[in-house]
Amino acid sequence: AVSARARLARPDETPPAPPEAVWDRVVHELSAAGELSTVTPLPTRPVW
């Protein structure tokens, strides 16, 4: 369903940014697992 929604996104559409707590948890888990060496903040408006 996520994939289907992403395929329908318009070039000028701005997807909502996830809550900071969600992003922080992803970063924490990846860092703890040694899978993330440098963390770049999630952009609020990706460039299409």
ModelCIF file with pLDDT and N, C-alpha, C, O atoms, coordinates in Angstrom:
data_MODEL
#
_entry.id   MODEL 
#
_entity.id                         1 
_entity.type                       polymer 
_entity.pdbx_number_of_molecules   1 
#
_entity_poly.entity_id                      1 
_entity_poly.type                           'polypeptide(L)' 
_entity_poly.nstd_linkage                   no 
_entity_poly.nstd_monomer                   no 
_entity_poly.pdbx_seq_one_letter_code       AVSARARLARPDETPPAPPEAVWDRVVHELSAAGELSTVTPLPTRPVW 
_entity_poly.pdbx_seq_one_letter_code_can   AVSARARLARPDETPPAPPEAVWDRVVHELSAAGELSTVTPLPTRPVW 
_entity_poly.pdbx_strand_id                 A 
#
loop_
_entity_poly_seq.entity_id 
_entity_poly_seq.num 
_entity_poly_seq.mon_id 
_entity_poly_seq.hetero 
1 1  ALA n 
1 2  VAL n 
1 3  SER n 
1 4  ALA n 
1 5  ARG n 
1 6  ALA n 
1 7  ARG n 
1 8  LEU n 
1 9  ALA n 
1 10 ARG n 
1 11 PRO n 
1 12 ASP n 
1 13 GLU n 
1 14 THR n 
1 15 PRO n 
1 16 PRO n 
1 17 ALA n 
1 18 PRO n 
1 19 PRO n 
1 20 GLU n 
1 21 ALA n 
1 22 VAL n 
1 23 TRP n 
1 24 ASP n 
1 25 ARG n 
1 26 VAL n 
1 27 VAL n 
1 28 HIS n 
1 29 GLU n 
1 30 LEU n 
1 31 SER n 
1 32 ALA n 
1 33 ALA n 
1 34 GLY n 
1 35 GLU n 
1 36 LEU n 
1 37 SER n 
1 38 THR n 
1 39 VAL n 
1 40 THR n 
1 41 PRO n 
1 42 LEU n 
1 43 PRO n 
1 44 THR n 
1 45 ARG n 
1 46 PRO n 
1 47 VAL n 
1 48 TRP n 
#
_struct_asym.id          A 
_struct_asym.entity_id   1 
#
loop_
_ma_qa_metric.id 
_ma_qa_metric.mode 
_ma_qa_metric.name 
_ma_qa_metric.software_group_id 
_ma_qa_metric.type 
1 global pLDDT . pLDDT 
2 local  pLDDT . pLDDT 
#
_ma_qa_metric_global.metric_id      1 
_ma_qa_metric_global.metric_value   56.54 
_ma_qa_metric_global.model_id       1 
_ma_qa_metric_global.ordinal_id     1 
#
loop_
_ma_qa_metric_local.label_asym_id 
_ma_qa_metric_local.label_comp_id 
_ma_qa_metric_local.label_seq_id 
_ma_qa_metric_local.metric_id 
_ma_qa_metric_local.metric_value 
_ma_qa_metric_local.model_id 
_ma_qa_metric_local.ordinal_id 
A ALA 1  2 68.00 1 1  
A VAL 2  2 67.00 1 2  
A SER 3  2 68.00 1 3  
A ALA 4  2 69.00 1 4  
A ARG 5  2 62.00 1 5  
A ALA 6  2 64.00 1 6  
A ARG 7  2 62.00 1 7  
A LEU 8  2 61.00 1 8  
A ALA 9  2 58.00 1 9  
A ARG 10 2 60.00 1 10 
A PRO 11 2 59.00 1 11 
A ASP 12 2 58.00 1 12 
A GLU 13 2 56.00 1 13 
A THR 14 2 57.00 1 14 
A PRO 15 2 57.00 1 15 
A PRO 16 2 58.00 1 16 
A ALA 17 2 58.00 1 17 
A PRO 18 2 57.00 1 18 
A PRO 19 2 58.00 1 19 
A GLU 20 2 61.00 1 20 
A ALA 21 2 60.00 1 21 
A VAL 22 2 57.00 1 22 
A TRP 23 2 60.00 1 23 
A ASP 24 2 63.00 1 24 
A ARG 25 2 60.00 1 25 
A VAL 26 2 60.00 1 26 
A VAL 27 2 62.00 1 27 
A HIS 28 2 62.00 1 28 
A GLU 29 2 58.00 1 29 
A LEU 30 2 58.00 1 30 
A SER 31 2 63.00 1 31 
A ALA 32 2 58.00 1 32 
A ALA 33 2 55.00 1 33 
A GLY 34 2 58.00 1 34 
A GLU 35 2 53.00 1 35 
A LEU 36 2 53.00 1 36 
A SER 37 2 50.00 1 37 
A THR 38 2 49.00 1 38 
A VAL 39 2 47.00 1 39 
A THR 40 2 49.00 1 40 
A PRO 41 2 51.00 1 41 
A LEU 42 2 46.00 1 42 
A PRO 43 2 47.00 1 43 
A THR 44 2 46.00 1 44 
A ARG 45 2 43.00 1 45 
A PRO 46 2 45.00 1 46 
A VAL 47 2 43.00 1 47 
A TRP 48 2 40.00 1 48 
#
loop_
_atom_site.group_PDB 
_atom_site.id 
_atom_site.type_symbol 
_atom_site.label_atom_id 
_atom_site.label_alt_id 
_atom_site.label_comp_id 
_atom_site.label_asym_id 
_atom_site.label_entity_id 
_atom_site.label_seq_id 
_atom_site.pdbx_PDB_ins_code 
_atom_site.Cartn_x 
_atom_site.Cartn_y 
_atom_site.Cartn_z 
_atom_site.occupancy 
_atom_site.B_iso_or_equiv 
_atom_site.pdbx_formal_charge 
_atom_site.auth_seq_id 
_atom_site.auth_comp_id 
_atom_site.auth_asym_id 
_atom_site.auth_atom_id 
_atom_site.pdbx_PDB_model_num 
ATOM 1   N N  . ALA A 1 1  ? 0.835  -1.203 0.000  1.00 68.00 ? 1  ALA A N  1 
ATOM 2   C CA . ALA A 1 1  ? 0.000  0.000  0.000  1.00 68.00 ? 1  ALA A CA 1 
ATOM 3   C C  . ALA A 1 1  ? 0.870  1.254  0.000  1.00 68.00 ? 1  ALA A C  1 
ATOM 4   O O  . ALA A 1 1  ? 0.564  2.229  -0.685 1.00 68.00 ? 1  ALA A O  1 
ATOM 5   N N  . VAL A 1 2  ? 1.968  1.221  0.780  1.00 67.00 ? 2  VAL A N  1 
ATOM 6   C CA . VAL A 1 2  ? 2.914  2.350  0.789  1.00 67.00 ? 2  VAL A CA 1 
ATOM 7   C C  . VAL A 1 2  ? 3.500  2.548  -0.599 1.00 67.00 ? 2  VAL A C  1 
ATOM 8   O O  . VAL A 1 2  ? 3.595  3.675  -1.085 1.00 67.00 ? 2  VAL A O  1 
ATOM 9   N N  . SER A 1 3  ? 3.899  1.437  -1.244 1.00 68.00 ? 3  SER A N  1 
ATOM 10  C CA . SER A 1 3  ? 4.482  1.517  -2.587 1.00 68.00 ? 3  SER A CA 1 
ATOM 11  C C  . SER A 1 3  ? 3.480  2.099  -3.578 1.00 68.00 ? 3  SER A C  1 
ATOM 12  O O  . SER A 1 3  ? 3.826  2.962  -4.386 1.00 68.00 ? 3  SER A O  1 
ATOM 13  N N  . ALA A 1 4  ? 2.226  1.620  -3.514 1.00 69.00 ? 4  ALA A N  1 
ATOM 14  C CA . ALA A 1 4  ? 1.206  2.112  -4.438 1.00 69.00 ? 4  ALA A CA 1 
ATOM 15  C C  . ALA A 1 4  ? 0.965  3.601  -4.238 1.00 69.00 ? 4  ALA A C  1 
ATOM 16  O O  . ALA A 1 4  ? 0.811  4.345  -5.206 1.00 69.00 ? 4  ALA A O  1 
ATOM 17  N N  . ARG A 1 5  ? 0.933  4.038  -2.972 1.00 62.00 ? 5  ARG A N  1 
ATOM 18  C CA . ARG A 1 5  ? 0.728  5.469  -2.693 1.00 62.00 ? 5  ARG A CA 1 
ATOM 19  C C  . ARG A 1 5  ? 1.906  6.299  -3.183 1.00 62.00 ? 5  ARG A C  1 
ATOM 20  O O  . ARG A 1 5  ? 1.720  7.398  -3.707 1.00 62.00 ? 5  ARG A O  1 
ATOM 21  N N  . ALA A 1 6  ? 3.122  5.774  -3.015 1.00 64.00 ? 6  ALA A N  1 
ATOM 22  C CA . ALA A 1 6  ? 4.305  6.510  -3.476 1.00 64.00 ? 6  ALA A CA 1 
ATOM 23  C C  . ALA A 1 6  ? 4.300  6.668  -4.989 1.00 64.00 ? 6  ALA A C  1 
ATOM 24  O O  . ALA A 1 6  ? 4.715  7.706  -5.504 1.00 64.00 ? 6  ALA A O  1 
ATOM 25  N N  . ARG A 1 7  ? 3.837  5.657  -5.700 1.00 62.00 ? 7  ARG A N  1 
ATOM 26  C CA . ARG A 1 7  ? 3.816  5.722  -7.162 1.00 62.00 ? 7  ARG A CA 1 
ATOM 27  C C  . ARG A 1 7  ? 2.812  6.761  -7.670 1.00 62.00 ? 7  ARG A C  1 
ATOM 28  O O  . ARG A 1 7  ? 2.944  7.276  -8.781 1.00 62.00 ? 7  ARG A O  1 
ATOM 29  N N  . LEU A 1 8  ? 1.804  7.063  -6.841 1.00 61.00 ? 8  LEU A N  1 
ATOM 30  C CA . LEU A 1 8  ? 0.782  8.020  -7.252 1.00 61.00 ? 8  LEU A CA 1 
ATOM 31  C C  . LEU A 1 8  ? 1.143  9.469  -6.898 1.00 61.00 ? 8  LEU A C  1 
ATOM 32  O O  . LEU A 1 8  ? 0.422  10.397 -7.264 1.00 61.00 ? 8  LEU A O  1 
ATOM 33  N N  . ALA A 1 9  ? 2.255  9.657  -6.189 1.00 58.00 ? 9  ALA A N  1 
ATOM 34  C CA . ALA A 1 9  ? 2.625  10.995 -5.746 1.00 58.00 ? 9  ALA A CA 1 
ATOM 35  C C  . ALA A 1 9  ? 2.916  11.902 -6.936 1.00 58.00 ? 9  ALA A C  1 
ATOM 36  O O  . ALA A 1 9  ? 3.579  11.494 -7.889 1.00 58.00 ? 9  ALA A O  1 
ATOM 37  N N  . ARG A 1 10 ? 2.418  13.128 -6.875 1.00 60.00 ? 10 ARG A N  1 
ATOM 38  C CA . ARG A 1 10 ? 2.676  14.107 -7.931 1.00 60.00 ? 10 ARG A CA 1 
ATOM 39  C C  . ARG A 1 10 ? 4.067  14.701 -7.761 1.00 60.00 ? 10 ARG A C  1 
ATOM 40  O O  . ARG A 1 10 ? 4.597  14.718 -6.650 1.00 60.00 ? 10 ARG A O  1 
ATOM 41  N N  . PRO A 1 11 ? 4.668  15.189 -8.847 1.00 59.00 ? 11 PRO A N  1 
ATOM 42  C CA . PRO A 1 11 ? 6.007  15.777 -8.731 1.00 59.00 ? 11 PRO A CA 1 
ATOM 43  C C  . PRO A 1 11 ? 6.062  16.946 -7.759 1.00 59.00 ? 11 PRO A C  1 
ATOM 44  O O  . PRO A 1 11 ? 7.094  17.179 -7.131 1.00 59.00 ? 11 PRO A O  1 
ATOM 45  N N  . ASP A 1 12 ? 4.937  17.701 -7.624 1.00 58.00 ? 12 ASP A N  1 
ATOM 46  C CA . ASP A 1 12 ? 4.951  18.865 -6.750 1.00 58.00 ? 12 ASP A CA 1 
ATOM 47  C C  . ASP A 1 12 ? 4.386  18.562 -5.366 1.00 58.00 ? 12 ASP A C  1 
ATOM 48  O O  . ASP A 1 12 ? 4.184  19.474 -4.564 1.00 58.00 ? 12 ASP A O  1 
ATOM 49  N N  . GLU A 1 13 ? 4.129  17.282 -5.081 1.00 56.00 ? 13 GLU A N  1 
ATOM 50  C CA . GLU A 1 13 ? 3.509  16.931 -3.809 1.00 56.00 ? 13 GLU A CA 1 
ATOM 51  C C  . GLU A 1 13 ? 4.555  16.827 -2.724 1.00 56.00 ? 13 GLU A C  1 
ATOM 52  O O  . GLU A 1 13 ? 5.620  16.245 -2.931 1.00 56.00 ? 13 GLU A O  1 
ATOM 53  N N  . THR A 1 14 ? 4.254  17.390 -1.563 1.00 57.00 ? 14 THR A N  1 
ATOM 54  C CA . THR A 1 14 ? 5.148  17.318 -0.416 1.00 57.00 ? 14 THR A CA 1 
ATOM 55  C C  . THR A 1 14 ? 4.608  16.310 0.583  1.00 57.00 ? 14 THR A C  1 
ATOM 56  O O  . THR A 1 14 ? 3.594  16.572 1.229  1.00 57.00 ? 14 THR A O  1 
ATOM 57  N N  . PRO A 1 15 ? 5.249  15.183 0.724  1.00 57.00 ? 15 PRO A N  1 
ATOM 58  C CA . PRO A 1 15 ? 4.744  14.206 1.694  1.00 57.00 ? 15 PRO A CA 1 
ATOM 59  C C  . PRO A 1 15 ? 4.950  14.723 3.110  1.00 57.00 ? 15 PRO A C  1 
ATOM 60  O O  . PRO A 1 15 ? 5.905  15.459 3.359  1.00 57.00 ? 15 PRO A O  1 
ATOM 61  N N  . PRO A 1 16 ? 4.082  14.357 4.036  1.00 58.00 ? 16 PRO A N  1 
ATOM 62  C CA . PRO A 1 16 ? 4.243  14.819 5.417  1.00 58.00 ? 16 PRO A CA 1 
ATOM 63  C C  . PRO A 1 16 ? 5.484  14.221 6.047  1.00 58.00 ? 16 PRO A C  1 
ATOM 64  O O  . PRO A 1 16 ? 5.802  13.051 5.833  1.00 58.00 ? 16 PRO A O  1 
ATOM 65  N N  . ALA A 1 17 ? 6.178  15.028 6.822  1.00 58.00 ? 17 ALA A N  1 
ATOM 66  C CA . ALA A 1 17 ? 7.355  14.525 7.534  1.00 58.00 ? 17 ALA A CA 1 
ATOM 67  C C  . ALA A 1 17 ? 6.904  13.667 8.705  1.00 58.00 ? 17 ALA A C  1 
ATOM 68  O O  . ALA A 1 17 ? 5.908  13.988 9.353  1.00 58.00 ? 17 ALA A O  1 
ATOM 69  N N  . PRO A 1 18 ? 7.626  12.571 8.992  1.00 57.00 ? 18 PRO A N  1 
ATOM 70  C CA . PRO A 1 18 ? 7.244  11.751 10.143 1.00 57.00 ? 18 PRO A CA 1 
ATOM 71  C C  . PRO A 1 18 ? 7.524  12.498 11.438 1.00 57.00 ? 18 PRO A C  1 
ATOM 72  O O  . PRO A 1 18 ? 8.353  13.408 11.451 1.00 57.00 ? 18 PRO A O  1 
ATOM 73  N N  . PRO A 1 19 ? 6.852  12.135 12.530 1.00 58.00 ? 19 PRO A N  1 
ATOM 74  C CA . PRO A 1 19 ? 7.149  12.767 13.811 1.00 58.00 ? 19 PRO A CA 1 
ATOM 75  C C  . PRO A 1 19 ? 8.615  12.592 14.181 1.00 58.00 ? 19 PRO A C  1 
ATOM 76  O O  . PRO A 1 19 ? 9.228  11.573 13.862 1.00 58.00 ? 19 PRO A O  1 
ATOM 77  N N  . GLU A 1 20 ? 9.172  13.591 14.854 1.00 61.00 ? 20 GLU A N  1 
ATOM 78  C CA . GLU A 1 20 ? 10.593 13.530 15.200 1.00 61.00 ? 20 GLU A CA 1 
ATOM 79  C C  . GLU A 1 20 ? 10.912 12.298 16.029 1.00 61.00 ? 20 GLU A C  1 
ATOM 80  O O  . GLU A 1 20 ? 11.990 11.719 15.890 1.00 61.00 ? 20 GLU A O  1 
ATOM 81  N N  . ALA A 1 21 ? 9.977  11.887 16.900 1.00 60.00 ? 21 ALA A N  1 
ATOM 82  C CA . ALA A 1 21 ? 10.230 10.733 17.760 1.00 60.00 ? 21 ALA A CA 1 
ATOM 83  C C  . ALA A 1 21 ? 10.427 9.464  16.941 1.00 60.00 ? 21 ALA A C  1 
ATOM 84  O O  . ALA A 1 21 ? 11.240 8.613  17.301 1.00 60.00 ? 21 ALA A O  1 
ATOM 85  N N  . VAL A 1 22 ? 9.684  9.328  15.834 1.00 57.00 ? 22 VAL A N  1 
ATOM 86  C CA . VAL A 1 22 ? 9.832  8.158  14.972 1.00 57.00 ? 22 VAL A CA 1 
ATOM 87  C C  . VAL A 1 22 ? 11.201 8.148  14.318 1.00 57.00 ? 22 VAL A C  1 
ATOM 88  O O  . VAL A 1 22 ? 11.895 7.131  14.328 1.00 57.00 ? 22 VAL A O  1 
ATOM 89  N N  . TRP A 1 23 ? 11.590 9.286  13.746 1.00 60.00 ? 23 TRP A N  1 
ATOM 90  C CA . TRP A 1 23 ? 12.906 9.388  13.106 1.00 60.00 ? 23 TRP A CA 1 
ATOM 91  C C  . TRP A 1 23 ? 14.017 9.157  14.120 1.00 60.00 ? 23 TRP A C  1 
ATOM 92  O O  . TRP A 1 23 ? 14.991 8.464  13.824 1.00 60.00 ? 23 TRP A O  1 
ATOM 93  N N  . ASP A 1 24 ? 13.880 9.735  15.322 1.00 63.00 ? 24 ASP A N  1 
ATOM 94  C CA . ASP A 1 24 ? 14.903 9.549  16.351 1.00 63.00 ? 24 ASP A CA 1 
ATOM 95  C C  . ASP A 1 24 ? 15.059 8.077  16.705 1.00 63.00 ? 24 ASP A C  1 
ATOM 96  O O  . ASP A 1 24 ? 16.173 7.602  16.926 1.00 63.00 ? 24 ASP A O  1 
ATOM 97  N N  . ARG A 1 25 ? 13.919 7.340  16.759 1.00 60.00 ? 25 ARG A N  1 
ATOM 98  C CA . ARG A 1 25 ? 14.008 5.929  17.112 1.00 60.00 ? 25 ARG A CA 1 
ATOM 99  C C  . ARG A 1 25 ? 14.677 5.119  16.020 1.00 60.00 ? 25 ARG A C  1 
ATOM 100 O O  . ARG A 1 25 ? 15.465 4.217  16.305 1.00 60.00 ? 25 ARG A O  1 
ATOM 101 N N  . VAL A 1 26 ? 14.366 5.439  14.758 1.00 60.00 ? 26 VAL A N  1 
ATOM 102 C CA . VAL A 1 26 ? 15.024 4.751  13.649 1.00 60.00 ? 26 VAL A CA 1 
ATOM 103 C C  . VAL A 1 26 ? 16.536 4.984  13.708 1.00 60.00 ? 26 VAL A C  1 
ATOM 104 O O  . VAL A 1 26 ? 17.325 4.047  13.579 1.00 60.00 ? 26 VAL A O  1 
ATOM 105 N N  . VAL A 1 27 ? 16.927 6.243  13.905 1.00 62.00 ? 27 VAL A N  1 
ATOM 106 C CA . VAL A 1 27 ? 18.351 6.576  13.995 1.00 62.00 ? 27 VAL A CA 1 
ATOM 107 C C  . VAL A 1 27 ? 19.004 5.831  15.151 1.00 62.00 ? 27 VAL A C  1 
ATOM 108 O O  . VAL A 1 27 ? 20.100 5.291  15.001 1.00 62.00 ? 27 VAL A O  1 
ATOM 109 N N  . HIS A 1 28 ? 18.338 5.797  16.305 1.00 62.00 ? 28 HIS A N  1 
ATOM 110 C CA . HIS A 1 28 ? 18.894 5.121  17.478 1.00 62.00 ? 28 HIS A CA 1 
ATOM 111 C C  . HIS A 1 28 ? 19.098 3.634  17.207 1.00 62.00 ? 28 HIS A C  1 
ATOM 112 O O  . HIS A 1 28 ? 20.150 3.080  17.528 1.00 62.00 ? 28 HIS A O  1 
ATOM 113 N N  . GLU A 1 29 ? 18.090 2.987  16.613 1.00 58.00 ? 29 GLU A N  1 
ATOM 114 C CA . GLU A 1 29 ? 18.185 1.552  16.362 1.00 58.00 ? 29 GLU A CA 1 
ATOM 115 C C  . GLU A 1 29 ? 19.289 1.245  15.356 1.00 58.00 ? 29 GLU A C  1 
ATOM 116 O O  . GLU A 1 29 ? 20.064 0.310  15.553 1.00 58.00 ? 29 GLU A O  1 
ATOM 117 N N  . LEU A 1 30 ? 19.364 2.025  14.283 1.00 58.00 ? 30 LEU A N  1 
ATOM 118 C CA . LEU A 1 30 ? 20.398 1.787  13.279 1.00 58.00 ? 30 LEU A CA 1 
ATOM 119 C C  . LEU A 1 30 ? 21.785 2.054  13.846 1.00 58.00 ? 30 LEU A C  1 
ATOM 120 O O  . LEU A 1 30 ? 22.727 1.320  13.546 1.00 58.00 ? 30 LEU A O  1 
ATOM 121 N N  . SER A 1 31 ? 21.920 3.090  14.658 1.00 63.00 ? 31 SER A N  1 
ATOM 122 C CA . SER A 1 31 ? 23.211 3.412  15.261 1.00 63.00 ? 31 SER A CA 1 
ATOM 123 C C  . SER A 1 31 ? 23.645 2.305  16.215 1.00 63.00 ? 31 SER A C  1 
ATOM 124 O O  . SER A 1 31 ? 24.809 1.903  16.229 1.00 63.00 ? 31 SER A O  1 
ATOM 125 N N  . ALA A 1 32 ? 22.688 1.815  17.018 1.00 58.00 ? 32 ALA A N  1 
ATOM 126 C CA . ALA A 1 32 ? 23.006 0.756  17.974 1.00 58.00 ? 32 ALA A CA 1 
ATOM 127 C C  . ALA A 1 32 ? 23.430 -0.521 17.269 1.00 58.00 ? 32 ALA A C  1 
ATOM 128 O O  . ALA A 1 32 ? 24.250 -1.283 17.780 1.00 58.00 ? 32 ALA A O  1 
ATOM 129 N N  . ALA A 1 33 ? 22.861 -0.748 16.085 1.00 55.00 ? 33 ALA A N  1 
ATOM 130 C CA . ALA A 1 33 ? 23.191 -1.953 15.326 1.00 55.00 ? 33 ALA A CA 1 
ATOM 131 C C  . ALA A 1 33 ? 24.457 -1.789 14.498 1.00 55.00 ? 33 ALA A C  1 
ATOM 132 O O  . ALA A 1 33 ? 24.887 -2.727 13.826 1.00 55.00 ? 33 ALA A O  1 
ATOM 133 N N  . GLY A 1 34 ? 25.063 -0.587 14.542 1.00 58.00 ? 34 GLY A N  1 
ATOM 134 C CA . GLY A 1 34 ? 26.262 -0.341 13.764 1.00 58.00 ? 34 GLY A CA 1 
ATOM 135 C C  . GLY A 1 34 ? 26.011 -0.186 12.290 1.00 58.00 ? 34 GLY A C  1 
ATOM 136 O O  . GLY A 1 34 ? 26.933 -0.315 11.485 1.00 58.00 ? 34 GLY A O  1 
ATOM 137 N N  . GLU A 1 35 ? 24.762 0.092  11.918 1.00 53.00 ? 35 GLU A N  1 
ATOM 138 C CA . GLU A 1 35 ? 24.404 0.196  10.509 1.00 53.00 ? 35 GLU A CA 1 
ATOM 139 C C  . GLU A 1 35 ? 24.334 1.644  10.028 1.00 53.00 ? 35 GLU A C  1 
ATOM 140 O O  . GLU A 1 35 ? 23.983 1.901  8.877  1.00 53.00 ? 35 GLU A O  1 
ATOM 141 N N  . LEU A 1 36 ? 24.661 2.571  10.893 1.00 53.00 ? 36 LEU A N  1 
ATOM 142 C CA . LEU A 1 36 ? 24.563 3.983  10.531 1.00 53.00 ? 36 LEU A CA 1 
ATOM 143 C C  . LEU A 1 36 ? 25.744 4.709  11.134 1.00 53.00 ? 36 LEU A C  1 
ATOM 144 O O  . LEU A 1 36 ? 25.874 4.778  12.356 1.00 53.00 ? 36 LEU A O  1 
ATOM 145 N N  . SER A 1 37 ? 26.600 5.248  10.299 1.00 50.00 ? 37 SER A N  1 
ATOM 146 C CA . SER A 1 37 ? 27.783 5.930  10.805 1.00 50.00 ? 37 SER A CA 1 
ATOM 147 C C  . SER A 1 37 ? 27.578 7.426  10.874 1.00 50.00 ? 37 SER A C  1 
ATOM 148 O O  . SER A 1 37 ? 28.052 8.072  11.809 1.00 50.00 ? 37 SER A O  1 
ATOM 149 N N  . THR A 1 38 ? 26.884 7.986  9.908  1.00 49.00 ? 38 THR A N  1 
ATOM 150 C CA . THR A 1 38 ? 26.631 9.425  9.877  1.00 49.00 ? 38 THR A CA 1 
ATOM 151 C C  . THR A 1 38 ? 25.152 9.655  9.679  1.00 49.00 ? 38 THR A C  1 
ATOM 152 O O  . THR A 1 38 ? 24.565 9.131  8.732  1.00 49.00 ? 38 THR A O  1 
ATOM 153 N N  . VAL A 1 39 ? 24.541 10.425 10.548 1.00 47.00 ? 39 VAL A N  1 
ATOM 154 C CA . VAL A 1 39 ? 23.106 10.647 10.485 1.00 47.00 ? 39 VAL A CA 1 
ATOM 155 C C  . VAL A 1 39 ? 22.829 11.990 9.846  1.00 47.00 ? 39 VAL A C  1 
ATOM 156 O O  . VAL A 1 39 ? 23.334 13.015 10.305 1.00 47.00 ? 39 VAL A O  1 
ATOM 157 N N  . THR A 1 40 ? 22.042 11.995 8.804  1.00 49.00 ? 40 THR A N  1 
ATOM 158 C CA . THR A 1 40 ? 21.606 13.220 8.148  1.00 49.00 ? 40 THR A CA 1 
ATOM 159 C C  . THR A 1 40 ? 20.147 13.453 8.492  1.00 49.00 ? 40 THR A C  1 
ATOM 160 O O  . THR A 1 40 ? 19.331 12.553 8.294  1.00 49.00 ? 40 THR A O  1 
ATOM 161 N N  . PRO A 1 41 ? 19.782 14.633 9.002  1.00 51.00 ? 41 PRO A N  1 
ATOM 162 C CA . PRO A 1 41 ? 18.376 14.866 9.347  1.00 51.00 ? 41 PRO A CA 1 
ATOM 163 C C  . PRO A 1 41 ? 17.464 14.611 8.168  1.00 51.00 ? 41 PRO A C  1 
ATOM 164 O O  . PRO A 1 41 ? 17.802 14.916 7.025  1.00 51.00 ? 41 PRO A O  1 
ATOM 165 N N  . LEU A 1 42 ? 16.293 14.043 8.461  1.00 46.00 ? 42 LEU A N  1 
ATOM 166 C CA . LEU A 1 42 ? 15.324 13.762 7.413  1.00 46.00 ? 42 LEU A CA 1 
ATOM 167 C C  . LEU A 1 42 ? 14.805 15.066 6.843  1.00 46.00 ? 42 LEU A C  1 
ATOM 168 O O  . LEU A 1 42 ? 14.344 15.913 7.608  1.00 46.00 ? 42 LEU A O  1 
ATOM 169 N N  . PRO A 1 43 ? 14.859 15.268 5.532  1.00 47.00 ? 43 PRO A N  1 
ATOM 170 C CA . PRO A 1 43 ? 14.359 16.519 4.958  1.00 47.00 ? 43 PRO A CA 1 
ATOM 171 C C  . PRO A 1 43 ? 12.849 16.595 5.059  1.00 47.00 ? 43 PRO A C  1 
ATOM 172 O O  . PRO A 1 43 ? 12.162 15.578 4.958  1.00 47.00 ? 43 PRO A O  1 
ATOM 173 N N  . THR A 1 44 ? 12.331 17.797 5.259  1.00 46.00 ? 44 THR A N  1 
ATOM 174 C CA . THR A 1 44 ? 10.883 17.974 5.330  1.00 46.00 ? 44 THR A CA 1 
ATOM 175 C C  . THR A 1 44 ? 10.283 18.138 3.952  1.00 46.00 ? 44 THR A C  1 
ATOM 176 O O  . THR A 1 44 ? 9.079  17.933 3.794  1.00 46.00 ? 44 THR A O  1 
ATOM 177 N N  . ARG A 1 45 ? 11.065 18.499 2.942  1.00 43.00 ? 45 ARG A N  1 
ATOM 178 C CA . ARG A 1 45 ? 10.564 18.647 1.572  1.00 43.00 ? 45 ARG A CA 1 
ATOM 179 C C  . ARG A 1 45 ? 11.561 18.033 0.606  1.00 43.00 ? 45 ARG A C  1 
ATOM 180 O O  . ARG A 1 45 ? 12.509 18.700 0.191  1.00 43.00 ? 45 ARG A O  1 
ATOM 181 N N  . PRO A 1 46 ? 11.362 16.763 0.238  1.00 45.00 ? 46 PRO A N  1 
ATOM 182 C CA . PRO A 1 46 ? 12.303 16.144 -0.687 1.00 45.00 ? 46 PRO A CA 1 
ATOM 183 C C  . PRO A 1 46 ? 12.225 16.792 -2.061 1.00 45.00 ? 46 PRO A C  1 
ATOM 184 O O  . PRO A 1 46 ? 11.190 17.328 -2.456 1.00 45.00 ? 46 PRO A O  1 
ATOM 185 N N  . VAL A 1 47 ? 13.335 16.732 -2.776 1.00 43.00 ? 47 VAL A N  1 
ATOM 186 C CA . VAL A 1 47 ? 13.394 17.293 -4.126 1.00 43.00 ? 47 VAL A CA 1 
ATOM 187 C C  . VAL A 1 47 ? 13.016 16.198 -5.110 1.00 43.00 ? 47 VAL A C  1 
ATOM 188 O O  . VAL A 1 47 ? 13.672 15.158 -5.175 1.00 43.00 ? 47 VAL A O  1 
ATOM 189 N N  . TRP A 1 48 ? 11.943 16.436 -5.887 1.00 40.00 ? 48 TRP A N  1 
ATOM 190 C CA . TRP A 1 48 ? 11.479 15.454 -6.859 1.00 40.00 ? 48 TRP A CA 1 
ATOM 191 C C  . TRP A 1 48 ? 12.088 15.769 -8.230 1.00 40.00 ? 48 TRP A C  1 
ATOM 192 O O  . TRP A 1 48 ? 11.826 15.058 -9.200 1.00 40.00 ? 48 TRP A O  1 
#
